[in-house]
């Protein structure tokens, strides 16, 4: 099974990674995010990375370039990003990455999809 994109709970876009994703999958998810940014509507991203490996250096570089290029759109239209992972290494790498690139949105990590949805529901209700 490949990467899936679910916007059935819009304004939440859920991107679920397959266990053995490739660099091309990361590129694909960025193009989907860009298409949503171009809608000019507020939304939140949820990345389900459970059971996956940590992003490689080249994938982190790709993410950094995307963040740098589309920073203004992300600041304006992406009100939060949530990463769902039970992997502590994932969380550590993502926290370090977020600190180094100064993300233009709030990023949280949760071990379960339910916990991430609860947190986002709280934000959306305000």
PDB file of N, CA and C in Angstrom:
ATOM      1  N   UNK A   1       0.840  -1.183   0.000  1.00  0.00           N
ATOM      2  CA  UNK A   1       0.000   0.000   0.000  1.00  0.00           C
ATOM      3  C   UNK A   1       0.881   1.241   0.000  1.00  0.00           C
ATOM      4  N   UNK A   2       0.502   2.240  -0.810  1.00  0.00           N
ATOM      5  CA  UNK A   2       1.292   3.451  -0.917  1.00  0.00           C
ATOM      6  C   UNK A   2       0.842   4.523   0.046  1.00  0.00           C
ATOM      7  N   UNK A   3       1.378   5.688  -0.145  1.00  0.00           N
ATOM      8  CA  UNK A   3       1.032   6.839   0.667  1.00  0.00           C
ATOM      9  C   UNK A   3      -0.418   7.208   0.411  1.00  0.00           C
ATOM     10  N   UNK A   4      -1.120   7.623   1.470  1.00  0.00           N
ATOM     11  CA  UNK A   4      -2.512   8.037   1.300  1.00  0.00           C
ATOM     12  C   UNK A   4      -2.698   9.463   1.791  1.00  0.00           C
ATOM     13  N   UNK A   5      -3.656  10.133   1.182  1.00  0.00           N
ATOM     14  CA  UNK A   5      -4.008  11.510   1.508  1.00  0.00           C
ATOM     15  C   UNK A   5      -5.499  11.534   1.802  1.00  0.00           C
ATOM     16  N   UNK A   6      -5.850  11.957   3.005  1.00  0.00           N
ATOM     17  CA  UNK A   6      -7.252  11.936   3.424  1.00  0.00           C
ATOM     18  C   UNK A   6      -7.650  13.315   3.931  1.00  0.00           C
ATOM     19  N   UNK A   7      -8.602  13.933   3.253  1.00  0.00           N
ATOM     20  CA  UNK A   7      -9.103  15.233   3.707  1.00  0.00           C
ATOM     21  C   UNK A   7     -10.569  15.145   4.092  1.00  0.00           C
ATOM     22  N   UNK A   8     -11.019  13.960   4.474  1.00  0.00           N
ATOM     23  CA  UNK A   8     -12.420  13.771   4.868  1.00  0.00           C
ATOM     24  C   UNK A   8     -12.774  14.525   6.149  1.00  0.00           C
ATOM     25  N   UNK A   9     -11.772  14.897   6.953  1.00  0.00           N
ATOM     26  CA  UNK A   9     -12.006  15.680   8.177  1.00  0.00           C
ATOM     27  C   UNK A   9     -11.511  17.116   7.986  1.00  0.00           C
ATOM     28  N   UNK A  10     -11.655  17.630   6.753  1.00  0.00           N
ATOM     29  CA  UNK A  10     -11.172  18.976   6.439  1.00  0.00           C
ATOM     30  C   UNK A  10     -11.671  19.971   7.478  1.00  0.00           C
ATOM     31  N   UNK A  11     -10.829  20.843   7.977  1.00  0.00           N
ATOM     32  CA  UNK A  11      -9.569  21.349   7.451  1.00  0.00           C
ATOM     33  C   UNK A  11      -8.317  20.589   7.908  1.00  0.00           C
ATOM     34  N   UNK A  12      -8.471  19.327   8.195  1.00  0.00           N
ATOM     35  CA  UNK A  12      -7.318  18.499   8.551  1.00  0.00           C
ATOM     36  C   UNK A  12      -6.982  17.615   7.360  1.00  0.00           C
ATOM     37  N   UNK A  13      -5.738  17.685   6.930  1.00  0.00           N
ATOM     38  CA  UNK A  13      -5.237  16.823   5.863  1.00  0.00           C
ATOM     39  C   UNK A  13      -4.346  15.767   6.503  1.00  0.00           C
ATOM     40  N   UNK A  14      -4.765  14.516   6.398  1.00  0.00           N
ATOM     41  CA  UNK A  14      -4.011  13.397   6.956  1.00  0.00           C
ATOM     42  C   UNK A  14      -3.184  12.759   5.847  1.00  0.00           C
ATOM     43  N   UNK A  15      -1.878  12.711   6.048  1.00  0.00           N
ATOM     44  CA  UNK A  15      -0.962  12.070   5.112  1.00  0.00           C
ATOM     45  C   UNK A  15      -0.358  10.869   5.826  1.00  0.00           C
ATOM     46  N   UNK A  16      -0.656   9.683   5.313  1.00  0.00           N
ATOM     47  CA  UNK A  16      -0.161   8.446   5.925  1.00  0.00           C
ATOM     48  C   UNK A  16       0.935   7.845   5.060  1.00  0.00           C
ATOM     49  N   UNK A  17       2.079   7.658   5.678  1.00  0.00           N
ATOM     50  CA  UNK A  17       3.232   7.092   4.981  1.00  0.00           C
ATOM     51  C   UNK A  17       3.218   5.576   5.061  1.00  0.00           C
ATOM     52  N   UNK A  18       3.589   4.898   3.966  1.00  0.00           N
ATOM     53  CA  UNK A  18       3.754   3.445   4.026  1.00  0.00           C
ATOM     54  C   UNK A  18       5.065   3.117   4.747  1.00  0.00           C
ATOM     55  N   UNK A  19       5.201   1.919   5.279  1.00  0.00           N
ATOM     56  CA  UNK A  19       6.425   1.567   6.017  1.00  0.00           C
ATOM     57  C   UNK A  19       7.710   1.744   5.208  1.00  0.00           C
ATOM     58  N   UNK A  20       7.675   1.425   3.943  1.00  0.00           N
ATOM     59  CA  UNK A  20       8.893   1.479   3.109  1.00  0.00           C
ATOM     60  C   UNK A  20       8.797   2.578   2.065  1.00  0.00           C
ATOM     61  N   UNK A  21       8.567   3.788   2.510  1.00  0.00           N
ATOM     62  CA  UNK A  21       8.445   4.895   1.565  1.00  0.00           C
ATOM     63  C   UNK A  21       9.794   5.237   0.955  1.00  0.00           C
ATOM     64  N   UNK A  22       9.744   5.937  -0.179  1.00  0.00           N
ATOM     65  CA  UNK A  22      10.949   6.339  -0.907  1.00  0.00           C
ATOM     66  C   UNK A  22      11.008   7.866  -1.000  1.00  0.00           C
ATOM     67  N   UNK A  23      12.124   8.371  -1.467  1.00  0.00           N
ATOM     68  CA  UNK A  23      12.332   9.806  -1.676  1.00  0.00           C
ATOM     69  C   UNK A  23      11.198  10.384  -2.523  1.00  0.00           C
ATOM     70  N   UNK A  24      10.782   9.642  -3.557  1.00  0.00           N
ATOM     71  CA  UNK A  24       9.700  10.094  -4.438  1.00  0.00           C
ATOM     72  C   UNK A  24       8.402  10.318  -3.664  1.00  0.00           C
ATOM     73  N   UNK A  25       8.163   9.512  -2.637  1.00  0.00           N
ATOM     74  CA  UNK A  25       6.968   9.691  -1.808  1.00  0.00           C
ATOM     75  C   UNK A  25       7.023  11.014  -1.048  1.00  0.00           C
ATOM     76  N   UNK A  26       8.199  11.374  -0.575  1.00  0.00           N
ATOM     77  CA  UNK A  26       8.354  12.646   0.133  1.00  0.00           C
ATOM     78  C   UNK A  26       8.085  13.799  -0.838  1.00  0.00           C
ATOM     79  N   UNK A  27       8.627  13.699  -2.040  1.00  0.00           N
ATOM     80  CA  UNK A  27       8.355  14.719  -3.055  1.00  0.00           C
ATOM     81  C   UNK A  27       6.855  14.817  -3.339  1.00  0.00           C
ATOM     82  N   UNK A  28       6.205  13.667  -3.453  1.00  0.00           N
ATOM     83  CA  UNK A  28       4.766  13.633  -3.737  1.00  0.00           C
ATOM     84  C   UNK A  28       3.977  14.319  -2.630  1.00  0.00           C
ATOM     85  N   UNK A  29       4.331  14.037  -1.370  1.00  0.00           N
ATOM     86  CA  UNK A  29       3.572  14.659  -0.276  1.00  0.00           C
ATOM     87  C   UNK A  29       3.759  16.172  -0.282  1.00  0.00           C
ATOM     88  N   UNK A  30       4.923  16.642  -0.662  1.00  0.00           N
ATOM     89  CA  UNK A  30       5.155  18.087  -0.715  1.00  0.00           C
ATOM     90  C   UNK A  30       4.322  18.739  -1.817  1.00  0.00           C
ATOM     91  N   UNK A  31       4.166  18.064  -2.933  1.00  0.00           N
ATOM     92  CA  UNK A  31       3.338  18.605  -4.013  1.00  0.00           C
ATOM     93  C   UNK A  31       1.858  18.644  -3.613  1.00  0.00           C
ATOM     94  N   UNK A  32       1.424  17.656  -2.854  1.00  0.00           N
ATOM     95  CA  UNK A  32       0.043  17.668  -2.354  1.00  0.00           C
ATOM     96  C   UNK A  32      -0.146  18.827  -1.375  1.00  0.00           C
ATOM     97  N   UNK A  33       0.812  19.028  -0.497  1.00  0.00           N
ATOM     98  CA  UNK A  33       0.729  20.155   0.446  1.00  0.00           C
ATOM     99  C   UNK A  33       0.691  21.475  -0.319  1.00  0.00           C
ATOM    100  N   UNK A  34       1.542  21.612  -1.327  1.00  0.00           N
ATOM    101  CA  UNK A  34       1.555  22.841  -2.116  1.00  0.00           C
ATOM    102  C   UNK A  34       0.197  23.080  -2.779  1.00  0.00           C
ATOM    103  N   UNK A  35      -0.413  22.032  -3.306  1.00  0.00           N
ATOM    104  CA  UNK A  35      -1.729  22.208  -3.939  1.00  0.00           C
ATOM    105  C   UNK A  35      -2.763  22.677  -2.913  1.00  0.00           C
ATOM    106  N   UNK A  36      -2.641  22.218  -1.674  1.00  0.00           N
ATOM    107  CA  UNK A  36      -3.555  22.680  -0.628  1.00  0.00           C
ATOM    108  C   UNK A  36      -3.239  24.117  -0.210  1.00  0.00           C
ATOM    109  N   UNK A  37      -1.990  24.479  -0.159  1.00  0.00           N
ATOM    110  CA  UNK A  37      -1.622  25.862   0.153  1.00  0.00           C
ATOM    111  C   UNK A  37      -2.173  26.815  -0.903  1.00  0.00           C
ATOM    112  N   UNK A  38      -2.163  26.379  -2.144  1.00  0.00           N
ATOM    113  CA  UNK A  38      -2.638  27.229  -3.235  1.00  0.00           C
ATOM    114  C   UNK A  38      -4.152  27.446  -3.195  1.00  0.00           C
ATOM    115  N   UNK A  39      -4.874  26.672  -2.396  1.00  0.00           N
ATOM    116  CA  UNK A  39      -6.314  26.896  -2.203  1.00  0.00           C
ATOM    117  C   UNK A  39      -6.577  28.162  -1.387  1.00  0.00           C
ATOM    118  N   UNK A  40      -5.555  28.597  -0.636  1.00  0.00           N
ATOM    119  CA  UNK A  40      -5.663  29.791   0.204  1.00  0.00           C
ATOM    120  C   UNK A  40      -6.720  29.617   1.298  1.00  0.00           C
ATOM    121  N   UNK A  41      -6.750  28.409   1.907  1.00  0.00           N
ATOM    122  CA  UNK A  41      -7.641  28.120   3.029  1.00  0.00           C
ATOM    123  C   UNK A  41      -6.804  27.612   4.195  1.00  0.00           C
ATOM    124  N   UNK A  42      -7.204  27.985   5.418  1.00  0.00           N
ATOM    125  CA  UNK A  42      -6.515  27.478   6.600  1.00  0.00           C
ATOM    126  C   UNK A  42      -6.709  25.970   6.718  1.00  0.00           C
ATOM    127  N   UNK A  43      -5.621  25.267   7.077  1.00  0.00           N
ATOM    128  CA  UNK A  43      -5.716  23.831   7.307  1.00  0.00           C
ATOM    129  C   UNK A  43      -4.585  23.376   8.209  1.00  0.00           C
ATOM    130  N   UNK A  44      -4.739  22.157   8.715  1.00  0.00           N
ATOM    131  CA  UNK A  44      -3.704  21.526   9.543  1.00  0.00           C
ATOM    132  C   UNK A  44      -3.253  20.248   8.849  1.00  0.00           C
ATOM    133  N   UNK A  45      -2.004  19.908   9.064  1.00  0.00           N
ATOM    134  CA  UNK A  45      -1.429  18.680   8.509  1.00  0.00           C
ATOM    135  C   UNK A  45      -1.232  17.671   9.618  1.00  0.00           C
ATOM    136  N   UNK A  46      -1.566  16.426   9.321  1.00  0.00           N
ATOM    137  CA  UNK A  46      -1.245  15.316  10.219  1.00  0.00           C
ATOM    138  C   UNK A  46      -0.468  14.314   9.403  1.00  0.00           C
ATOM    139  N   UNK A  47       0.753  14.038   9.854  1.00  0.00           N
ATOM    140  CA  UNK A  47       1.595  13.037   9.206  1.00  0.00           C
ATOM    141  C   UNK A  47       1.591  11.786  10.060  1.00  0.00           C
ATOM    142  N   UNK A  48       1.085  10.720   9.511  1.00  0.00           N
ATOM    143  CA  UNK A  48       1.093   9.441  10.220  1.00  0.00           C
ATOM    144  C   UNK A  48       2.350   8.685   9.793  1.00  0.00           C
ATOM    145  N   UNK A  49       3.346   8.700  10.660  1.00  0.00           N
ATOM    146  CA  UNK A  49       4.631   8.057  10.373  1.00  0.00           C
ATOM    147  C   UNK A  49       4.831   6.783  11.187  1.00  0.00           C
ATOM    148  N   UNK A  50       3.767   6.273  11.777  1.00  0.00           N
ATOM    149  CA  UNK A  50       3.899   5.054  12.589  1.00  0.00           C
ATOM    150  C   UNK A  50       4.429   3.905  11.727  1.00  0.00           C
ATOM    151  N   UNK A  51       5.416   3.222  12.268  1.00  0.00           N
ATOM    152  CA  UNK A  51       5.977   2.064  11.584  1.00  0.00           C
ATOM    153  C   UNK A  51       6.926   2.389  10.448  1.00  0.00           C
ATOM    154  N   UNK A  52       7.345   3.645  10.339  1.00  0.00           N
ATOM    155  CA  UNK A  52       8.251   4.030   9.256  1.00  0.00           C
ATOM    156  C   UNK A  52       9.645   4.318   9.796  1.00  0.00           C
ATOM    157  N   UNK A  53      10.564   4.482   8.881  1.00  0.00           N
ATOM    158  CA  UNK A  53      11.936   4.842   9.239  1.00  0.00           C
ATOM    159  C   UNK A  53      12.043   6.358   9.409  1.00  0.00           C
ATOM    160  N   UNK A  54      13.172   6.805   9.913  1.00  0.00           N
ATOM    161  CA  UNK A  54      13.456   8.233  10.059  1.00  0.00           C
ATOM    162  C   UNK A  54      13.822   8.791   8.682  1.00  0.00           C
ATOM    163  N   UNK A  55      13.440  10.046   8.413  1.00  0.00           N
ATOM    164  CA  UNK A  55      13.814  10.685   7.155  1.00  0.00           C
ATOM    165  C   UNK A  55      15.330  10.682   6.988  1.00  0.00           C
ATOM    166  N   UNK A  56      15.785  10.425   5.759  1.00  0.00           N
ATOM    167  CA  UNK A  56      17.216  10.465   5.455  1.00  0.00           C
ATOM    168  C   UNK A  56      17.668  11.923   5.373  1.00  0.00           C
ATOM    169  N   UNK A  57      18.974  12.128   5.317  1.00  0.00           N
ATOM    170  CA  UNK A  57      19.516  13.481   5.198  1.00  0.00           C
ATOM    171  C   UNK A  57      19.016  14.155   3.922  1.00  0.00           C
ATOM    172  N   UNK A  58      18.950  13.437   2.822  1.00  0.00           N
ATOM    173  CA  UNK A  58      18.491  14.041   1.567  1.00  0.00           C
ATOM    174  C   UNK A  58      16.997  14.378   1.645  1.00  0.00           C
ATOM    175  N   UNK A  59      16.218  13.568   2.345  1.00  0.00           N
ATOM    176  CA  UNK A  59      14.793  13.872   2.522  1.00  0.00           C
ATOM    177  C   UNK A  59      14.602  15.076   3.438  1.00  0.00           C
ATOM    178  N   UNK A  60      15.406  15.178   4.485  1.00  0.00           N
ATOM    179  CA  UNK A  60      15.327  16.357   5.363  1.00  0.00           C
ATOM    180  C   UNK A  60      15.719  17.618   4.591  1.00  0.00           C
ATOM    181  N   UNK A  61      16.709  17.503   3.700  1.00  0.00           N
ATOM    182  CA  UNK A  61      17.120  18.639   2.872  1.00  0.00           C
ATOM    183  C   UNK A  61      15.978  19.064   1.942  1.00  0.00           C
ATOM    184  N   UNK A  62      15.286  18.090   1.370  1.00  0.00           N
ATOM    185  CA  UNK A  62      14.135  18.378   0.512  1.00  0.00           C
ATOM    186  C   UNK A  62      13.047  19.104   1.303  1.00  0.00           C
ATOM    187  N   UNK A  63      12.767  18.634   2.510  1.00  0.00           N
ATOM    188  CA  UNK A  63      11.780  19.287   3.378  1.00  0.00           C
ATOM    189  C   UNK A  63      12.205  20.715   3.706  1.00  0.00           C
ATOM    190  N   UNK A  64      13.481  20.895   4.029  1.00  0.00           N
ATOM    191  CA  UNK A  64      13.997  22.227   4.364  1.00  0.00           C
ATOM    192  C   UNK A  64      13.826  23.180   3.189  1.00  0.00           C
ATOM    193  N   UNK A  65      14.169  22.720   1.970  1.00  0.00           N
ATOM    194  CA  UNK A  65      14.022  23.582   0.786  1.00  0.00           C
ATOM    195  C   UNK A  65      12.553  23.960   0.563  1.00  0.00           C
ATOM    196  N   UNK A  66      11.658  23.002   0.765  1.00  0.00           N
ATOM    197  CA  UNK A  66      10.234  23.279   0.607  1.00  0.00           C
ATOM    198  C   UNK A  66       9.783  24.324   1.631  1.00  0.00           C
ATOM    199  N   UNK A  67      10.182  24.140   2.878  1.00  0.00           N
ATOM    200  CA  UNK A  67       9.808  25.094   3.930  1.00  0.00           C
ATOM    201  C   UNK A  67      10.346  26.487   3.629  1.00  0.00           C
ATOM    202  N   UNK A  68      11.564  26.550   3.145  1.00  0.00           N
ATOM    203  CA  UNK A  68      12.175  27.835   2.833  1.00  0.00           C
ATOM    204  C   UNK A  68      11.466  28.511   1.652  1.00  0.00           C
ATOM    205  N   UNK A  69      11.169  27.744   0.624  1.00  0.00           N
ATOM    206  CA  UNK A  69      10.538  28.282  -0.580  1.00  0.00           C
ATOM    207  C   UNK A  69       9.103  28.729  -0.335  1.00  0.00           C
ATOM    208  N   UNK A  70       8.362  27.985   0.481  1.00  0.00           N
ATOM    209  CA  UNK A  70       6.932  28.236   0.660  1.00  0.00           C
ATOM    210  C   UNK A  70       6.590  28.757   2.060  1.00  0.00           C
ATOM    211  N   UNK A  71       7.562  29.320   2.713  1.00  0.00           N
ATOM    212  CA  UNK A  71       7.400  29.777   4.093  1.00  0.00           C
ATOM    213  C   UNK A  71       6.204  30.723   4.281  1.00  0.00           C
ATOM    214  N   UNK A  72       6.070  31.701   3.409  1.00  0.00           N
ATOM    215  CA  UNK A  72       4.979  32.677   3.568  1.00  0.00           C
ATOM    216  C   UNK A  72       3.610  32.022   3.444  1.00  0.00           C
ATOM    217  N   UNK A  73       3.445  31.113   2.498  1.00  0.00           N
ATOM    218  CA  UNK A  73       2.172  30.398   2.364  1.00  0.00           C
ATOM    219  C   UNK A  73       1.920  29.520   3.589  1.00  0.00           C
ATOM    220  N   UNK A  74       2.958  28.857   4.073  1.00  0.00           N
ATOM    221  CA  UNK A  74       2.811  28.009   5.255  1.00  0.00           C
ATOM    222  C   UNK A  74       2.431  28.825   6.479  1.00  0.00           C
ATOM    223  N   UNK A  75       3.068  29.978   6.659  1.00  0.00           N
ATOM    224  CA  UNK A  75       2.735  30.853   7.792  1.00  0.00           C
ATOM    225  C   UNK A  75       1.275  31.282   7.749  1.00  0.00           C
ATOM    226  N   UNK A  76       0.787  31.538   6.566  1.00  0.00           N
ATOM    227  CA  UNK A  76      -0.556  32.078   6.423  1.00  0.00           C
ATOM    228  C   UNK A  76      -1.657  31.023   6.471  1.00  0.00           C
ATOM    229  N   UNK A  77      -1.398  29.828   5.884  1.00  0.00           N
ATOM    230  CA  UNK A  77      -2.484  28.862   5.696  1.00  0.00           C
ATOM    231  C   UNK A  77      -2.352  27.552   6.460  1.00  0.00           C
ATOM    232  N   UNK A  78      -1.187  27.221   6.953  1.00  0.00           N
ATOM    233  CA  UNK A  78      -1.019  25.975   7.718  1.00  0.00           C
ATOM    234  C   UNK A  78      -0.936  26.340   9.194  1.00  0.00           C
ATOM    235  N   UNK A  79      -2.023  26.108   9.933  1.00  0.00           N
ATOM    236  CA  UNK A  79      -2.024  26.557  11.321  1.00  0.00           C
ATOM    237  C   UNK A  79      -1.375  25.569  12.267  1.00  0.00           C
ATOM    238  N   UNK A  80      -1.144  24.338  11.834  1.00  0.00           N
ATOM    239  CA  UNK A  80      -0.463  23.373  12.690  1.00  0.00           C
ATOM    240  C   UNK A  80      -0.062  22.141  11.897  1.00  0.00           C
ATOM    241  N   UNK A  81       0.972  21.500  12.383  1.00  0.00           N
ATOM    242  CA  UNK A  81       1.386  20.204  11.852  1.00  0.00           C
ATOM    243  C   UNK A  81       1.535  19.259  13.032  1.00  0.00           C
ATOM    244  N   UNK A  82       0.968  18.080  12.871  1.00  0.00           N
ATOM    245  CA  UNK A  82       1.058  17.056  13.906  1.00  0.00           C
ATOM    246  C   UNK A  82       1.697  15.825  13.283  1.00  0.00           C
ATOM    247  N   UNK A  83       2.680  15.285  13.973  1.00  0.00           N
ATOM    248  CA  UNK A  83       3.330  14.063  13.519  1.00  0.00           C
ATOM    249  C   UNK A  83       2.938  12.949  14.486  1.00  0.00           C
ATOM    250  N   UNK A  84       2.427  11.879  13.918  1.00  0.00           N
ATOM    251  CA  UNK A  84       2.027  10.726  14.721  1.00  0.00           C
ATOM    252  C   UNK A  84       3.106   9.660  14.561  1.00  0.00           C
ATOM    253  N   UNK A  85       3.788   9.392  15.657  1.00  0.00           N
ATOM    254  CA  UNK A  85       4.827   8.363  15.654  1.00  0.00           C
ATOM    255  C   UNK A  85       5.060   7.881  17.070  1.00  0.00           C
ATOM    256  N   UNK A  86       5.267   6.600  17.196  1.00  0.00           N
ATOM    257  CA  UNK A  86       5.592   6.039  18.500  1.00  0.00           C
ATOM    258  C   UNK A  86       7.109   5.922  18.683  1.00  0.00           C
ATOM    259  N   UNK A  87       7.843   6.246  17.633  1.00  0.00           N
ATOM    260  CA  UNK A  87       9.293   6.091  17.611  1.00  0.00           C
ATOM    261  C   UNK A  87       9.978   7.307  18.248  1.00  0.00           C
ATOM    262  N   UNK A  88      10.684   7.088  19.338  1.00  0.00           N
ATOM    263  CA  UNK A  88      11.364   8.197  20.035  1.00  0.00           C
ATOM    264  C   UNK A  88      12.443   8.838  19.178  1.00  0.00           C
ATOM    265  N   UNK A  89      13.123   8.038  18.363  1.00  0.00           N
ATOM    266  CA  UNK A  89      14.145   8.598  17.469  1.00  0.00           C
ATOM    267  C   UNK A  89      13.489   9.548  16.469  1.00  0.00           C
ATOM    268  N   UNK A  90      12.362   9.142  15.915  1.00  0.00           N
ATOM    269  CA  UNK A  90      11.602  10.022  15.023  1.00  0.00           C
ATOM    270  C   UNK A  90      11.325  11.353  15.697  1.00  0.00           C
ATOM    271  N   UNK A  91      10.806  11.282  16.907  1.00  0.00           N
ATOM    272  CA  UNK A  91      10.454  12.508  17.627  1.00  0.00           C
ATOM    273  C   UNK A  91      11.678  13.381  17.871  1.00  0.00           C
ATOM    274  N   UNK A  92      12.783  12.767  18.221  1.00  0.00           N
ATOM    275  CA  UNK A  92      14.004  13.533  18.479  1.00  0.00           C
ATOM    276  C   UNK A  92      14.513  14.207  17.206  1.00  0.00           C
ATOM    277  N   UNK A  93      14.540  13.459  16.114  1.00  0.00           N
ATOM    278  CA  UNK A  93      15.009  14.022  14.836  1.00  0.00           C
ATOM    279  C   UNK A  93      14.086  15.145  14.388  1.00  0.00           C
ATOM    280  N   UNK A  94      12.781  14.937  14.502  1.00  0.00           N
ATOM    281  CA  UNK A  94      11.822  15.973  14.091  1.00  0.00           C
ATOM    282  C   UNK A  94      11.908  17.211  14.966  1.00  0.00           C
ATOM    283  N   UNK A  95      12.096  17.027  16.247  1.00  0.00           N
ATOM    284  CA  UNK A  95      12.249  18.180  17.154  1.00  0.00           C
ATOM    285  C   UNK A  95      13.498  18.973  16.815  1.00  0.00           C
ATOM    286  N   UNK A  96      14.580  18.280  16.558  1.00  0.00           N
ATOM    287  CA  UNK A  96      15.830  18.964  16.181  1.00  0.00           C
ATOM    288  C   UNK A  96      15.657  19.696  14.849  1.00  0.00           C
ATOM    289  N   UNK A  97      15.031  19.030  13.901  1.00  0.00           N
ATOM    290  CA  UNK A  97      14.785  19.635  12.587  1.00  0.00           C
ATOM    291  C   UNK A  97      13.928  20.895  12.748  1.00  0.00           C
ATOM    292  N   UNK A  98      12.857  20.795  13.504  1.00  0.00           N
ATOM    293  CA  UNK A  98      11.962  21.941  13.706  1.00  0.00           C
ATOM    294  C   UNK A  98      12.703  23.111  14.351  1.00  0.00           C
ATOM    295  N   UNK A  99      13.550  22.810  15.302  1.00  0.00           N
ATOM    296  CA  UNK A  99      14.312  23.866  15.968  1.00  0.00           C
ATOM    297  C   UNK A  99      15.287  24.522  14.998  1.00  0.00           C
ATOM    298  N   UNK A 100      15.961  23.726  14.174  1.00  0.00           N
ATOM    299  CA  UNK A 100      16.973  24.257  13.255  1.00  0.00           C
ATOM    300  C   UNK A 100      16.369  25.104  12.141  1.00  0.00           C
ATOM    301  N   UNK A 101      15.205  24.727  11.638  1.00  0.00           N
ATOM    302  CA  UNK A 101      14.625  25.462  10.509  1.00  0.00           C
ATOM    303  C   UNK A 101      13.620  26.525  10.933  1.00  0.00           C
ATOM    304  N   UNK A 102      13.304  26.601  12.231  1.00  0.00           N
ATOM    305  CA  UNK A 102      12.359  27.605  12.731  1.00  0.00           C
ATOM    306  C   UNK A 102      11.037  27.531  11.966  1.00  0.00           C
ATOM    307  N   UNK A 103      10.306  26.475  12.218  1.00  0.00           N
ATOM    308  CA  UNK A 103       9.056  26.218  11.506  1.00  0.00           C
ATOM    309  C   UNK A 103       8.090  27.395  11.606  1.00  0.00           C
ATOM    310  N   UNK A 104       7.365  27.675  10.527  1.00  0.00           N
ATOM    311  CA  UNK A 104       6.412  28.789  10.532  1.00  0.00           C
ATOM    312  C   UNK A 104       5.037  28.418  11.092  1.00  0.00           C
ATOM    313  N   UNK A 105       4.930  27.279  11.763  1.00  0.00           N
ATOM    314  CA  UNK A 105       3.676  26.813  12.339  1.00  0.00           C
ATOM    315  C   UNK A 105       3.990  25.987  13.573  1.00  0.00           C
ATOM    316  N   UNK A 106       2.977  25.731  14.370  1.00  0.00           N
ATOM    317  CA  UNK A 106       3.127  24.900  15.559  1.00  0.00           C
ATOM    318  C   UNK A 106       3.258  23.447  15.106  1.00  0.00           C
ATOM    319  N   UNK A 107       4.240  22.732  15.664  1.00  0.00           N
ATOM    320  CA  UNK A 107       4.374  21.311  15.380  1.00  0.00           C
ATOM    321  C   UNK A 107       4.324  20.535  16.685  1.00  0.00           C
ATOM    322  N   UNK A 108       3.492  19.515  16.706  1.00  0.00           N
ATOM    323  CA  UNK A 108       3.364  18.627  17.858  1.00  0.00           C
ATOM    324  C   UNK A 108       3.606  17.205  17.395  1.00  0.00           C
ATOM    325  N   UNK A 109       4.029  16.350  18.327  1.00  0.00           N
ATOM    326  CA  UNK A 109       4.122  14.920  18.038  1.00  0.00           C
ATOM    327  C   UNK A 109       3.287  14.167  19.058  1.00  0.00           C
ATOM    328  N   UNK A 110       2.632  13.149  18.580  1.00  0.00           N
ATOM    329  CA  UNK A 110       1.807  12.286  19.425  1.00  0.00           C
ATOM    330  C   UNK A 110       2.035  10.833  19.028  1.00  0.00           C
ATOM    331  N   UNK A 111       1.895   9.924  19.983  1.00  0.00           N
ATOM    332  CA  UNK A 111       2.102   8.509  19.667  1.00  0.00           C
ATOM    333  C   UNK A 111       0.906   7.843  18.983  1.00  0.00           C
ATOM    334  N   UNK A 112      -0.288   8.485  19.054  1.00  0.00           N
ATOM    335  CA  UNK A 112      -1.479   7.887  18.447  1.00  0.00           C
ATOM    336  C   UNK A 112      -2.219   8.912  17.604  1.00  0.00           C
ATOM    337  N   UNK A 113      -2.927   8.408  16.625  1.00  0.00           N
ATOM    338  CA  UNK A 113      -3.749   9.262  15.776  1.00  0.00           C
ATOM    339  C   UNK A 113      -4.874   9.896  16.586  1.00  0.00           C
ATOM    340  N   UNK A 114      -5.435   9.150  17.524  1.00  0.00           N
ATOM    341  CA  UNK A 114      -6.520   9.663  18.344  1.00  0.00           C
ATOM    342  C   UNK A 114      -6.076  10.868  19.172  1.00  0.00           C
ATOM    343  N   UNK A 115      -4.892  10.794  19.765  1.00  0.00           N
ATOM    344  CA  UNK A 115      -4.370  11.904  20.561  1.00  0.00           C
ATOM    345  C   UNK A 115      -4.150  13.140  19.691  1.00  0.00           C
ATOM    346  N   UNK A 116      -3.658  12.940  18.470  1.00  0.00           N
ATOM    347  CA  UNK A 116      -3.428  14.080  17.579  1.00  0.00           C
ATOM    348  C   UNK A 116      -4.754  14.722  17.179  1.00  0.00           C
ATOM    349  N   UNK A 117      -5.753  13.899  16.910  1.00  0.00           N
ATOM    350  CA  UNK A 117      -7.066  14.428  16.537  1.00  0.00           C
ATOM    351  C   UNK A 117      -7.706  15.190  17.704  1.00  0.00           C
ATOM    352  N   UNK A 118      -7.552  14.668  18.917  1.00  0.00           N
ATOM    353  CA  UNK A 118      -8.089  15.354  20.098  1.00  0.00           C
ATOM    354  C   UNK A 118      -7.468  16.740  20.232  1.00  0.00           C
ATOM    355  N   UNK A 119      -6.152  16.820  20.066  1.00  0.00           N
ATOM    356  CA  UNK A 119      -5.462  18.105  20.189  1.00  0.00           C
ATOM    357  C   UNK A 119      -5.946  19.071  19.117  1.00  0.00           C
ATOM    358  N   UNK A 120      -6.064  18.578  17.881  1.00  0.00           N
ATOM    359  CA  UNK A 120      -6.511  19.457  16.790  1.00  0.00           C
ATOM    360  C   UNK A 120      -7.963  19.894  16.973  1.00  0.00           C
ATOM    361  N   UNK A 121      -8.812  19.007  17.465  1.00  0.00           N
ATOM    362  CA  UNK A 121     -10.201  19.387  17.732  1.00  0.00           C
ATOM    363  C   UNK A 121     -10.256  20.538  18.729  1.00  0.00           C
ATOM    364  N   UNK A 122      -9.373  20.487  19.723  1.00  0.00           N
ATOM    365  CA  UNK A 122      -9.315  21.565  20.704  1.00  0.00           C
ATOM    366  C   UNK A 122      -8.945  22.886  20.066  1.00  0.00           C
ATOM    367  N   UNK A 123      -8.001  22.858  19.156  1.00  0.00           N
ATOM    368  CA  UNK A 123      -7.606  24.087  18.445  1.00  0.00           C
ATOM    369  C   UNK A 123      -8.750  24.589  17.565  1.00  0.00           C
ATOM    370  N   UNK A 124      -9.381  23.675  16.856  1.00  0.00           N
ATOM    371  CA  UNK A 124     -10.445  24.056  15.926  1.00  0.00           C
ATOM    372  C   UNK A 124     -11.673  24.602  16.633  1.00  0.00           C
ATOM    373  N   UNK A 125     -11.884  24.171  17.878  1.00  0.00           N
ATOM    374  CA  UNK A 125     -13.054  24.654  18.610  1.00  0.00           C
ATOM    375  C   UNK A 125     -12.859  26.062  19.143  1.00  0.00           C
ATOM    376  N   UNK A 126     -11.617  26.561  19.139  1.00  0.00           N
ATOM    377  CA  UNK A 126     -11.347  27.932  19.621  1.00  0.00           C
ATOM    378  C   UNK A 126     -11.458  28.962  18.546  1.00  0.00           C
TER     379      UNK A 126
END
